[in-house]
Amino acid sequence: MEISGSNQRVVWSVARNDSALTKGAASPAPIPDEVAIDGRQVIVTRVRYRYESPLSSFMSAVTGSDGYDLEHVFMQHPRIGTAVNYQ
């Protein structure tokens, strides 16, 4: 993510078993002000997983769902420099 003023845009994106974000797209999650430093990039990692267990399938009549959708977003600055180039 590239931070420029109040704009937070995707510089590059790679996905596995999902669709990559398009260059220039808005951030997939709001970046907190203490992390969003103007002129620096932020590495945003989004992990999504569908968890289905034998118990959740058995309990689907009660819970209305046969599994759980788990998602977490991680954010950090590059350790060296202000940007990460994807090659």
PDB file of N, CA and C in Angstrom:
ATOM      1  N   MET A   1       0.837  -1.159   0.000  1.00  0.00           N
ATOM      2  CA  MET A   1       0.000   0.000   0.000  1.00  0.00           C
ATOM      3  C   MET A   1       0.888   1.230   0.000  1.00  0.00           C
ATOM      4  N   GLU A   2       0.552   2.160  -0.837  1.00  0.00           N
ATOM      5  CA  GLU A   2       1.279   3.419  -0.880  1.00  0.00           C
ATOM      6  C   GLU A   2       0.445   4.472  -0.167  1.00  0.00           C
ATOM      7  N   ILE A   3       1.069   5.210   0.708  1.00  0.00           N
ATOM      8  CA  ILE A   3       0.380   6.236   1.482  1.00  0.00           C
ATOM      9  C   ILE A   3       0.777   7.591   0.923  1.00  0.00           C
ATOM     10  N   SER A   4      -0.216   8.361   0.503  1.00  0.00           N
ATOM     11  CA  SER A   4       0.024   9.704   0.007  1.00  0.00           C
ATOM     12  C   SER A   4      -1.108  10.590   0.515  1.00  0.00           C
ATOM     13  N   GLY A   5      -0.819  11.338   1.562  1.00  0.00           N
ATOM     14  CA  GLY A   5      -1.879  12.138   2.195  1.00  0.00           C
ATOM     15  C   GLY A   5      -2.933  11.202   2.767  1.00  0.00           C
ATOM     16  N   SER A   6      -4.182  11.414   2.386  1.00  0.00           N
ATOM     17  CA  SER A   6      -5.260  10.548   2.883  1.00  0.00           C
ATOM     18  C   SER A   6      -5.531   9.383   1.926  1.00  0.00           C
ATOM     19  N   ASN A   7      -4.800   9.320   0.801  1.00  0.00           N
ATOM     20  CA  ASN A   7      -4.980   8.224  -0.160  1.00  0.00           C
ATOM     21  C   ASN A   7      -4.165   7.008   0.248  1.00  0.00           C
ATOM     22  N   GLN A   8      -4.790   5.848   0.190  1.00  0.00           N
ATOM     23  CA  GLN A   8      -4.137   4.578   0.480  1.00  0.00           C
ATOM     24  C   GLN A   8      -4.440   3.659  -0.692  1.00  0.00           C
ATOM     25  N   ARG A   9      -3.453   3.414  -1.552  1.00  0.00           N
ATOM     26  CA  ARG A   9      -3.675   2.667  -2.782  1.00  0.00           C
ATOM     27  C   ARG A   9      -2.733   1.480  -2.911  1.00  0.00           C
ATOM     28  N   VAL A  10      -3.211   0.432  -3.577  1.00  0.00           N
ATOM     29  CA  VAL A  10      -2.428  -0.777  -3.826  1.00  0.00           C
ATOM     30  C   VAL A  10      -1.339  -0.483  -4.849  1.00  0.00           C
ATOM     31  N   VAL A  11      -0.100  -0.834  -4.528  1.00  0.00           N
ATOM     32  CA  VAL A  11       1.026  -0.696  -5.453  1.00  0.00           C
ATOM     33  C   VAL A  11       1.166  -1.990  -6.252  1.00  0.00           C
ATOM     34  N   TRP A  12       1.152  -3.127  -5.573  1.00  0.00           N
ATOM     35  CA  TRP A  12       1.158  -4.440  -6.217  1.00  0.00           C
ATOM     36  C   TRP A  12       0.479  -5.440  -5.286  1.00  0.00           C
ATOM     37  N   SER A  13       0.016  -6.529  -5.866  1.00  0.00           N
ATOM     38  CA  SER A  13      -0.714  -7.518  -5.085  1.00  0.00           C
ATOM     39  C   SER A  13      -0.478  -8.903  -5.673  1.00  0.00           C
ATOM     40  N   VAL A  14      -0.317  -9.888  -4.794  1.00  0.00           N
ATOM     41  CA  VAL A  14      -0.167 -11.287  -5.185  1.00  0.00           C
ATOM     42  C   VAL A  14      -1.150 -12.083  -4.334  1.00  0.00           C
ATOM     43  N   ALA A  15      -1.790 -13.065  -4.940  1.00  0.00           N
ATOM     44  CA  ALA A  15      -2.754 -13.871  -4.193  1.00  0.00           C
ATOM     45  C   ALA A  15      -2.526 -15.353  -4.449  1.00  0.00           C
ATOM     46  N   ARG A  16      -2.917 -16.144  -3.478  1.00  0.00           N
ATOM     47  CA  ARG A  16      -2.869 -17.597  -3.617  1.00  0.00           C
ATOM     48  C   ARG A  16      -4.247 -18.125  -3.228  1.00  0.00           C
ATOM     49  N   ASN A  17      -4.886 -18.848  -4.125  1.00  0.00           N
ATOM     50  CA  ASN A  17      -6.241 -19.357  -3.924  1.00  0.00           C
ATOM     51  C   ASN A  17      -7.242 -18.226  -3.681  1.00  0.00           C
ATOM     52  N   ASP A  18      -7.000 -17.085  -4.281  1.00  0.00           N
ATOM     53  CA  ASP A  18      -7.863 -15.917  -4.159  1.00  0.00           C
ATOM     54  C   ASP A  18      -7.541 -14.984  -5.322  1.00  0.00           C
ATOM     55  N   SER A  19      -8.260 -13.894  -5.445  1.00  0.00           N
ATOM     56  CA  SER A  19      -7.997 -12.918  -6.502  1.00  0.00           C
ATOM     57  C   SER A  19      -7.114 -11.800  -5.964  1.00  0.00           C
ATOM     58  N   ALA A  20      -6.085 -11.451  -6.727  1.00  0.00           N
ATOM     59  CA  ALA A  20      -5.205 -10.350  -6.330  1.00  0.00           C
ATOM     60  C   ALA A  20      -5.943  -9.028  -6.514  1.00  0.00           C
ATOM     61  N   LEU A  21      -5.582  -8.058  -5.698  1.00  0.00           N
ATOM     62  CA  LEU A  21      -6.159  -6.721  -5.831  1.00  0.00           C
ATOM     63  C   LEU A  21      -5.544  -6.034  -7.044  1.00  0.00           C
ATOM     64  N   THR A  22      -6.284  -5.129  -7.652  1.00  0.00           N
ATOM     65  CA  THR A  22      -5.760  -4.409  -8.817  1.00  0.00           C
ATOM     66  C   THR A  22      -4.902  -3.231  -8.375  1.00  0.00           C
ATOM     67  N   LYS A  23      -3.889  -2.947  -9.168  1.00  0.00           N
ATOM     68  CA  LYS A  23      -3.017  -1.809  -8.884  1.00  0.00           C
ATOM     69  C   LYS A  23      -3.863  -0.537  -8.871  1.00  0.00           C
ATOM     70  N   GLY A  24      -3.669   0.277  -7.851  1.00  0.00           N
ATOM     71  CA  GLY A  24      -4.421   1.520  -7.727  1.00  0.00           C
ATOM     72  C   GLY A  24      -5.728   1.378  -6.954  1.00  0.00           C
ATOM     73  N   ALA A  25      -6.107   0.135  -6.608  1.00  0.00           N
ATOM     74  CA  ALA A  25      -7.350  -0.090  -5.850  1.00  0.00           C
ATOM     75  C   ALA A  25      -7.201   0.454  -4.431  1.00  0.00           C
ATOM     76  N   ALA A  26      -8.317   0.686  -3.800  1.00  0.00           N
ATOM     77  CA  ALA A  26      -8.305   1.158  -2.413  1.00  0.00           C
ATOM     78  C   ALA A  26      -7.847   0.042  -1.483  1.00  0.00           C
ATOM     79  N   SER A  27      -7.430   0.423  -0.303  1.00  0.00           N
ATOM     80  CA  SER A  27      -6.957  -0.536   0.689  1.00  0.00           C
ATOM     81  C   SER A  27      -8.064  -1.521   1.058  1.00  0.00           C
ATOM     82  N   PRO A  28      -7.728  -2.822   1.240  1.00  0.00           N
ATOM     83  CA  PRO A  28      -8.733  -3.803   1.625  1.00  0.00           C
ATOM     84  C   PRO A  28      -9.176  -3.641   3.083  1.00  0.00           C
ATOM     85  N   ALA A  29      -8.425  -2.885   3.856  1.00  0.00           N
ATOM     86  CA  ALA A  29      -8.765  -2.629   5.255  1.00  0.00           C
ATOM     87  C   ALA A  29      -8.271  -1.225   5.600  1.00  0.00           C
ATOM     88  N   PRO A  30      -8.979  -0.525   6.468  1.00  0.00           N
ATOM     89  CA  PRO A  30      -8.511   0.812   6.843  1.00  0.00           C
ATOM     90  C   PRO A  30      -7.165   0.739   7.560  1.00  0.00           C
ATOM     91  N   ILE A  31      -6.240   1.600   7.162  1.00  0.00           N
ATOM     92  CA  ILE A  31      -4.913   1.630   7.776  1.00  0.00           C
ATOM     93  C   ILE A  31      -4.920   2.714   8.856  1.00  0.00           C
ATOM     94  N   PRO A  32      -4.616   2.349  10.098  1.00  0.00           N
ATOM     95  CA  PRO A  32      -4.646   3.321  11.202  1.00  0.00           C
ATOM     96  C   PRO A  32      -3.672   4.477  10.960  1.00  0.00           C
ATOM     97  N   ASP A  33      -4.003   5.651  11.484  1.00  0.00           N
ATOM     98  CA  ASP A  33      -3.169   6.844  11.306  1.00  0.00           C
ATOM     99  C   ASP A  33      -1.743   6.643  11.805  1.00  0.00           C
ATOM    100  N   GLU A  34      -1.560   5.886  12.904  1.00  0.00           N
ATOM    101  CA  GLU A  34      -0.205   5.697  13.449  1.00  0.00           C
ATOM    102  C   GLU A  34       0.650   4.797  12.560  1.00  0.00           C
ATOM    103  N   VAL A  35       0.040   4.064  11.639  1.00  0.00           N
ATOM    104  CA  VAL A  35       0.772   3.206  10.705  1.00  0.00           C
ATOM    105  C   VAL A  35       0.930   3.898   9.352  1.00  0.00           C
ATOM    106  N   ALA A  36      -0.056   4.699   8.962  1.00  0.00           N
ATOM    107  CA  ALA A  36      -0.066   5.369   7.657  1.00  0.00           C
ATOM    108  C   ALA A  36       0.814   6.609   7.688  1.00  0.00           C
ATOM    109  N   ILE A  37       2.078   6.450   7.336  1.00  0.00           N
ATOM    110  CA  ILE A  37       3.028   7.559   7.299  1.00  0.00           C
ATOM    111  C   ILE A  37       3.178   8.013   5.853  1.00  0.00           C
ATOM    112  N   ASP A  38       2.946   9.286   5.611  1.00  0.00           N
ATOM    113  CA  ASP A  38       2.977   9.837   4.259  1.00  0.00           C
ATOM    114  C   ASP A  38       4.318   9.559   3.575  1.00  0.00           C
ATOM    115  N   GLY A  39       4.257   9.054   2.338  1.00  0.00           N
ATOM    116  CA  GLY A  39       5.450   8.787   1.555  1.00  0.00           C
ATOM    117  C   GLY A  39       6.063   7.412   1.785  1.00  0.00           C
ATOM    118  N   ARG A  40       5.506   6.626   2.691  1.00  0.00           N
ATOM    119  CA  ARG A  40       6.024   5.281   2.959  1.00  0.00           C
ATOM    120  C   ARG A  40       4.990   4.254   2.539  1.00  0.00           C
ATOM    121  N   GLN A  41       5.458   3.058   2.283  1.00  0.00           N
ATOM    122  CA  GLN A  41       4.539   1.965   1.973  1.00  0.00           C
ATOM    123  C   GLN A  41       4.248   1.166   3.232  1.00  0.00           C
ATOM    124  N   VAL A  42       3.103   0.512   3.224  1.00  0.00           N
ATOM    125  CA  VAL A  42       2.702  -0.378   4.301  1.00  0.00           C
ATOM    126  C   VAL A  42       2.428  -1.736   3.667  1.00  0.00           C
ATOM    127  N   ILE A  43       2.982  -2.784   4.252  1.00  0.00           N
ATOM    128  CA  ILE A  43       2.729  -4.142   3.765  1.00  0.00           C
ATOM    129  C   ILE A  43       1.458  -4.625   4.452  1.00  0.00           C
ATOM    130  N   VAL A  44       0.458  -4.944   3.649  1.00  0.00           N
ATOM    131  CA  VAL A  44      -0.819  -5.416   4.178  1.00  0.00           C
ATOM    132  C   VAL A  44      -0.993  -6.864   3.730  1.00  0.00           C
ATOM    133  N   THR A  45      -1.178  -7.746   4.693  1.00  0.00           N
ATOM    134  CA  THR A  45      -1.384  -9.164   4.407  1.00  0.00           C
ATOM    135  C   THR A  45      -2.757  -9.554   4.922  1.00  0.00           C
ATOM    136  N   ARG A  46      -3.565 -10.112   4.035  1.00  0.00           N
ATOM    137  CA  ARG A  46      -4.902 -10.563   4.431  1.00  0.00           C
ATOM    138  C   ARG A  46      -4.963 -12.074   4.293  1.00  0.00           C
ATOM    139  N   VAL A  47      -5.362 -12.728   5.360  1.00  0.00           N
ATOM    140  CA  VAL A  47      -5.472 -14.186   5.374  1.00  0.00           C
ATOM    141  C   VAL A  47      -6.941 -14.531   5.568  1.00  0.00           C
ATOM    142  N   ARG A  48      -7.463 -15.372   4.659  1.00  0.00           N
ATOM    143  CA  ARG A  48      -8.844 -15.837   4.792  1.00  0.00           C
ATOM    144  C   ARG A  48      -8.846 -17.354   4.704  1.00  0.00           C
ATOM    145  N   TYR A  49      -9.648 -17.966   5.555  1.00  0.00           N
ATOM    146  CA  TYR A  49      -9.701 -19.421   5.594  1.00  0.00           C
ATOM    147  C   TYR A  49     -11.107 -19.863   5.950  1.00  0.00           C
ATOM    148  N   ARG A  50     -11.590 -20.861   5.261  1.00  0.00           N
ATOM    149  CA  ARG A  50     -12.895 -21.468   5.573  1.00  0.00           C
ATOM    150  C   ARG A  50     -12.623 -22.743   6.357  1.00  0.00           C
ATOM    151  N   TYR A  51     -13.089 -22.787   7.599  1.00  0.00           N
ATOM    152  CA  TYR A  51     -12.864 -23.944   8.459  1.00  0.00           C
ATOM    153  C   TYR A  51     -14.159 -24.737   8.577  1.00  0.00           C
ATOM    154  N   GLU A  52     -14.089 -25.995   8.173  1.00  0.00           N
ATOM    155  CA  GLU A  52     -15.229 -26.888   8.290  1.00  0.00           C
ATOM    156  C   GLU A  52     -14.779 -28.139   9.039  1.00  0.00           C
ATOM    157  N   SER A  53     -15.435 -28.418  10.139  1.00  0.00           N
ATOM    158  CA  SER A  53     -15.103 -29.608  10.910  1.00  0.00           C
ATOM    159  C   SER A  53     -16.288 -30.570  10.865  1.00  0.00           C
ATOM    160  N   PRO A  54     -16.074 -31.837  11.194  1.00  0.00           N
ATOM    161  CA  PRO A  54     -17.206 -32.773  11.245  1.00  0.00           C
ATOM    162  C   PRO A  54     -18.290 -32.299  12.215  1.00  0.00           C
ATOM    163  N   LEU A  55     -17.882 -31.676  13.308  1.00  0.00           N
ATOM    164  CA  LEU A  55     -18.854 -31.190  14.276  1.00  0.00           C
ATOM    165  C   LEU A  55     -19.678 -30.034  13.709  1.00  0.00           C
ATOM    166  N   SER A  56     -19.024 -29.112  12.989  1.00  0.00           N
ATOM    167  CA  SER A  56     -19.778 -27.983  12.433  1.00  0.00           C
ATOM    168  C   SER A  56     -20.767 -28.454  11.379  1.00  0.00           C
ATOM    169  N   SER A  57     -20.407 -29.469  10.602  1.00  0.00           N
ATOM    170  CA  SER A  57     -21.341 -30.022   9.623  1.00  0.00           C
ATOM    171  C   SER A  57     -22.521 -30.687  10.321  1.00  0.00           C
ATOM    172  N   PHE A  58     -22.259 -31.395  11.396  1.00  0.00           N
ATOM    173  CA  PHE A  58     -23.303 -32.066  12.174  1.00  0.00           C
ATOM    174  C   PHE A  58     -24.243 -31.049  12.827  1.00  0.00           C
ATOM    175  N   MET A  59     -23.677 -29.930  13.282  1.00  0.00           N
ATOM    176  CA  MET A  59     -24.456 -28.908  13.985  1.00  0.00           C
ATOM    177  C   MET A  59     -25.091 -27.879  13.060  1.00  0.00           C
ATOM    178  N   SER A  60     -24.928 -28.034  11.741  1.00  0.00           N
ATOM    179  CA  SER A  60     -25.439 -27.028  10.812  1.00  0.00           C
ATOM    180  C   SER A  60     -26.953 -26.838  10.909  1.00  0.00           C
ATOM    181  N   ALA A  61     -27.684 -27.877  11.288  1.00  0.00           N
ATOM    182  CA  ALA A  61     -29.129 -27.739  11.443  1.00  0.00           C
ATOM    183  C   ALA A  61     -29.474 -26.788  12.594  1.00  0.00           C
ATOM    184  N   VAL A  62     -28.607 -26.730  13.605  1.00  0.00           N
ATOM    185  CA  VAL A  62     -28.848 -25.866  14.760  1.00  0.00           C
ATOM    186  C   VAL A  62     -28.261 -24.474  14.533  1.00  0.00           C
ATOM    187  N   THR A  63     -27.018 -24.425  14.038  1.00  0.00           N
ATOM    188  CA  THR A  63     -26.312 -23.142  13.897  1.00  0.00           C
ATOM    189  C   THR A  63     -26.637 -22.431  12.593  1.00  0.00           C
ATOM    190  N   GLY A  64     -27.099 -23.164  11.583  1.00  0.00           N
ATOM    191  CA  GLY A  64     -27.387 -22.558  10.283  1.00  0.00           C
ATOM    192  C   GLY A  64     -26.161 -22.406   9.407  1.00  0.00           C
ATOM    193  N   SER A  65     -25.033 -22.935   9.855  1.00  0.00           N
ATOM    194  CA  SER A  65     -23.793 -22.835   9.082  1.00  0.00           C
ATOM    195  C   SER A  65     -23.027 -24.147   9.186  1.00  0.00           C
ATOM    196  N   ASP A  66     -22.382 -24.525   8.088  1.00  0.00           N
ATOM    197  CA  ASP A  66     -21.597 -25.769   8.119  1.00  0.00           C
ATOM    198  C   ASP A  66     -20.107 -25.508   8.275  1.00  0.00           C
ATOM    199  N   GLY A  67     -19.742 -24.289   8.624  1.00  0.00           N
ATOM    200  CA  GLY A  67     -18.337 -23.954   8.819  1.00  0.00           C
ATOM    201  C   GLY A  67     -18.176 -22.524   9.288  1.00  0.00           C
ATOM    202  N   TYR A  68     -16.926 -22.101   9.383  1.00  0.00           N
ATOM    203  CA  TYR A  68     -16.601 -20.769   9.873  1.00  0.00           C
ATOM    204  C   TYR A  68     -15.660 -20.088   8.891  1.00  0.00           C
ATOM    205  N   ASP A  69     -15.929 -18.833   8.590  1.00  0.00           N
ATOM    206  CA  ASP A  69     -15.050 -18.038   7.743  1.00  0.00           C
ATOM    207  C   ASP A  69     -14.157 -17.198   8.645  1.00  0.00           C
ATOM    208  N   LEU A  70     -12.873 -17.494   8.614  1.00  0.00           N
ATOM    209  CA  LEU A  70     -11.901 -16.793   9.445  1.00  0.00           C
ATOM    210  C   LEU A  70     -11.119 -15.818   8.578  1.00  0.00           C
ATOM    211  N   GLU A  71     -10.840 -14.633   9.097  1.00  0.00           N
ATOM    212  CA  GLU A  71     -10.071 -13.632   8.356  1.00  0.00           C
ATOM    213  C   GLU A  71      -9.285 -12.775   9.335  1.00  0.00           C
ATOM    214  N   HIS A  72      -8.050 -12.445   8.942  1.00  0.00           N
ATOM    215  CA  HIS A  72      -7.221 -11.549   9.742  1.00  0.00           C
ATOM    216  C   HIS A  72      -6.375 -10.699   8.803  1.00  0.00           C
ATOM    217  N   VAL A  73      -6.159  -9.445   9.174  1.00  0.00           N
ATOM    218  CA  VAL A  73      -5.346  -8.523   8.379  1.00  0.00           C
ATOM    219  C   VAL A  73      -4.146  -8.107   9.224  1.00  0.00           C
ATOM    220  N   PHE A  74      -2.944  -8.238   8.641  1.00  0.00           N
ATOM    221  CA  PHE A  74      -1.694  -7.834   9.290  1.00  0.00           C
ATOM    222  C   PHE A  74      -1.144  -6.618   8.545  1.00  0.00           C
ATOM    223  N   MET A  75      -0.521  -5.686   9.276  1.00  0.00           N
ATOM    224  CA  MET A  75       0.098  -4.504   8.654  1.00  0.00           C
ATOM    225  C   MET A  75       1.457  -4.261   9.275  1.00  0.00           C
ATOM    226  N   GLN A  76       2.422  -3.912   8.417  1.00  0.00           N
ATOM    227  CA  GLN A  76       3.756  -3.564   8.914  1.00  0.00           C
ATOM    228  C   GLN A  76       4.472  -2.712   7.889  1.00  0.00           C
ATOM    229  N   HIS A  77       5.498  -2.017   8.337  1.00  0.00           N
ATOM    230  CA  HIS A  77       6.349  -1.239   7.441  1.00  0.00           C
ATOM    231  C   HIS A  77       7.484  -2.122   6.948  1.00  0.00           C
ATOM    232  N   PRO A  78       8.038  -1.811   5.766  1.00  0.00           N
ATOM    233  CA  PRO A  78       9.222  -2.556   5.313  1.00  0.00           C
ATOM    234  C   PRO A  78      10.351  -2.396   6.337  1.00  0.00           C
ATOM    235  N   ARG A  79      11.104  -3.474   6.562  1.00  0.00           N
ATOM    236  CA  ARG A  79      12.200  -3.415   7.535  1.00  0.00           C
ATOM    237  C   ARG A  79      13.368  -2.586   7.029  1.00  0.00           C
ATOM    238  N   ILE A  80      13.617  -2.658   5.715  1.00  0.00           N
ATOM    239  CA  ILE A  80      14.723  -1.908   5.119  1.00  0.00           C
ATOM    240  C   ILE A  80      14.146  -0.994   4.048  1.00  0.00           C
ATOM    241  N   GLY A  81      14.327   0.297   4.198  1.00  0.00           N
ATOM    242  CA  GLY A  81      13.826   1.233   3.202  1.00  0.00           C
ATOM    243  C   GLY A  81      12.371   1.620   3.473  1.00  0.00           C
ATOM    244  N   THR A  82      11.774   2.293   2.482  1.00  0.00           N
ATOM    245  CA  THR A  82      10.404   2.782   2.637  1.00  0.00           C
ATOM    246  C   THR A  82       9.441   2.094   1.675  1.00  0.00           C
ATOM    247  N   ALA A  83       9.976   1.218   0.815  1.00  0.00           N
ATOM    248  CA  ALA A  83       9.119   0.550  -0.178  1.00  0.00           C
ATOM    249  C   ALA A  83       9.599  -0.864  -0.438  1.00  0.00           C
ATOM    250  N   VAL A  84       8.699  -1.698  -0.961  1.00  0.00           N
ATOM    251  CA  VAL A  84       9.040  -3.075  -1.350  1.00  0.00           C
ATOM    252  C   VAL A  84       8.679  -3.212  -2.822  1.00  0.00           C
ATOM    253  N   ASN A  85       9.664  -3.594  -3.638  1.00  0.00           N
ATOM    254  CA  ASN A  85       9.417  -3.806  -5.074  1.00  0.00           C
ATOM    255  C   ASN A  85       9.175  -5.279  -5.339  1.00  0.00           C
ATOM    256  N   TYR A  86       8.110  -5.571  -6.033  1.00  0.00           N
ATOM    257  CA  TYR A  86       7.789  -6.953  -6.375  1.00  0.00           C
ATOM    258  C   TYR A  86       8.412  -7.311  -7.705  1.00  0.00           C
ATOM    259  N   GLN A  87       9.132  -8.436  -7.762  1.00  0.00           N
ATOM    260  CA  GLN A  87       9.793  -8.826  -9.007  1.00  0.00           C
ATOM    261  C   GLN A  87       9.345 -10.198  -9.409  1.00  0.00           C
TER     262      GLN A  87
END
